[in-house]
């Protein structure tokens, strides 16, 4: 599993989506409700996600950017855990084609 966006334990790293692209701004991210995950190293369940995970993000172009980019570069911070331990946090770099981003209908 990976830790939820809001882990219950302060020493665990939250799942977090950020943008690394100056031509775009991240307005909001909808994270799914976490699941309770029982692990042997913690007395209480962890808040986490198992299996497939979908995030929905609202982006806008930054009007101060000099030129639009063909891809939007994002970063996903995760911390994966097993039933016995949690690995160090990682940053996954994601590249999304800007042309594939659908505008929000009025």
Protein backbone atom coordinates (compact mmCIF):
# COMPACT_ATOMS: atom_id res chain seq x y z
CA UNK A 1 0.00 0.00 0.00
CA UNK A 2 0.97 3.67 -0.13
CA UNK A 3 0.21 6.16 2.61
CA UNK A 4 -2.91 8.26 2.20
CA UNK A 5 -2.96 11.98 1.52
CA UNK A 6 -3.61 12.47 5.25
CA UNK A 7 -1.73 9.78 7.17
CA UNK A 8 -2.70 9.33 10.81
CA UNK A 9 0.89 8.96 12.00
CA UNK A 10 3.03 12.14 11.88
CA UNK A 11 6.21 10.26 10.97
CA UNK A 12 4.73 8.91 7.70
CA UNK A 13 4.85 10.81 4.41
CA UNK A 14 1.57 11.75 2.76
CA UNK A 15 0.67 11.07 -0.85
CA UNK A 16 0.87 14.48 -2.55
CA UNK A 17 0.58 15.72 -6.12
CA UNK A 18 2.42 18.92 -7.05
CA UNK A 19 3.30 20.67 -10.30
CA UNK A 20 6.86 21.37 -11.34
CA UNK A 21 5.84 23.32 -14.44
CA UNK A 22 5.87 27.14 -14.24
CA UNK A 23 3.33 27.44 -17.09
CA UNK A 24 0.61 25.76 -14.98
CA UNK A 25 -0.89 26.19 -11.51
CA UNK A 26 -2.51 23.46 -9.46
CA UNK A 27 -5.86 24.72 -8.15
CA UNK A 28 -7.05 21.59 -6.34
CA UNK A 29 -6.56 17.85 -6.05
CA UNK A 30 -9.30 15.37 -5.13
CA UNK A 31 -7.76 12.44 -3.29
CA UNK A 32 -9.87 9.33 -2.64
CA UNK A 33 -11.01 8.41 0.86
CA UNK A 34 -8.30 6.34 2.55
CA UNK A 35 -8.66 2.71 3.58
CA UNK A 36 -7.68 1.29 6.97
CA UNK A 37 -4.55 -0.81 6.51
CA UNK A 38 -3.43 -3.12 9.32
CA UNK A 39 0.34 -3.56 9.69
CA UNK A 40 2.38 -5.49 12.25
CA UNK A 41 4.62 -2.56 13.24
CA UNK A 42 1.84 -0.20 14.29
CA UNK A 43 -0.77 -0.63 17.04
CA UNK A 44 -3.47 1.14 15.04
CA UNK A 45 -4.37 0.88 11.33
CA UNK A 46 -2.62 3.14 8.85
CA UNK A 47 -4.55 5.34 6.42
CA UNK A 48 -3.55 4.17 2.96
CA UNK A 49 -4.44 3.12 -0.56
CA UNK A 50 -4.20 -0.35 -2.12
CA UNK A 51 -4.65 -1.39 -5.73
CA UNK A 52 -5.38 1.20 -8.40
CA UNK A 53 -5.63 4.84 -7.45
CA UNK A 54 -7.09 7.78 -9.35
CA UNK A 55 -6.54 11.44 -8.53
CA UNK A 56 -8.46 14.29 -10.07
CA UNK A 57 -6.67 17.61 -10.33
CA UNK A 58 -7.84 21.03 -11.43
CA UNK A 59 -5.17 23.01 -13.28
CA UNK A 60 -5.01 26.40 -14.91
CA UNK A 61 -2.47 28.00 -17.18
CA UNK A 62 -0.36 30.62 -15.47
CA UNK A 63 -0.97 33.87 -17.34
CA UNK A 64 2.53 35.12 -16.52
CA UNK A 65 4.28 32.23 -18.28
CA UNK A 66 6.08 33.28 -21.46
CA UNK A 67 4.96 30.35 -23.59
CA UNK A 68 2.71 27.32 -23.12
CA UNK A 69 4.42 23.96 -22.75
CA UNK A 70 3.45 20.81 -24.70
CA UNK A 71 3.63 18.71 -21.52
CA UNK A 72 2.70 19.40 -17.92
CA UNK A 73 5.32 18.12 -15.50
CA UNK A 74 3.96 16.90 -12.18
CA UNK A 75 5.48 15.19 -9.18
CA UNK A 76 3.81 12.56 -7.05
CA UNK A 77 5.22 12.07 -3.56
CA UNK A 78 4.60 8.55 -2.23
CA UNK A 79 5.68 6.34 0.62
CA UNK A 80 5.11 2.64 0.04
CA UNK A 81 4.71 0.26 2.97
CA UNK A 82 4.43 -3.48 3.41
CA UNK A 83 2.91 -5.34 6.35
CA UNK A 84 6.27 -5.09 8.15
CA UNK A 85 7.89 -1.75 7.20
CA UNK A 86 7.63 1.51 5.29
CA UNK A 87 10.17 2.39 2.60
CA UNK A 88 11.72 5.86 2.37
CA UNK A 89 9.52 8.42 0.57
CA UNK A 90 9.95 8.79 -3.20
CA UNK A 91 9.12 11.42 -5.83
CA UNK A 92 7.68 10.09 -9.09
CA UNK A 93 7.93 12.49 -12.03
CA UNK A 94 4.92 12.47 -14.37
CA UNK A 95 4.61 14.08 -17.79
CA UNK A 96 1.10 14.71 -19.10
CA UNK A 97 0.44 15.98 -22.64
CA UNK A 98 -1.04 19.46 -22.29
CA UNK A 99 -3.23 18.85 -25.34
CA UNK A 100 -4.93 15.97 -23.49
CA UNK A 101 -6.08 18.23 -20.64
CA UNK A 102 -9.73 18.88 -21.15
CA UNK A 103 -10.98 22.37 -20.35
CA UNK A 104 -13.63 22.57 -17.66
CA UNK A 105 -17.08 23.30 -19.14
CA UNK A 106 -18.66 26.56 -17.95
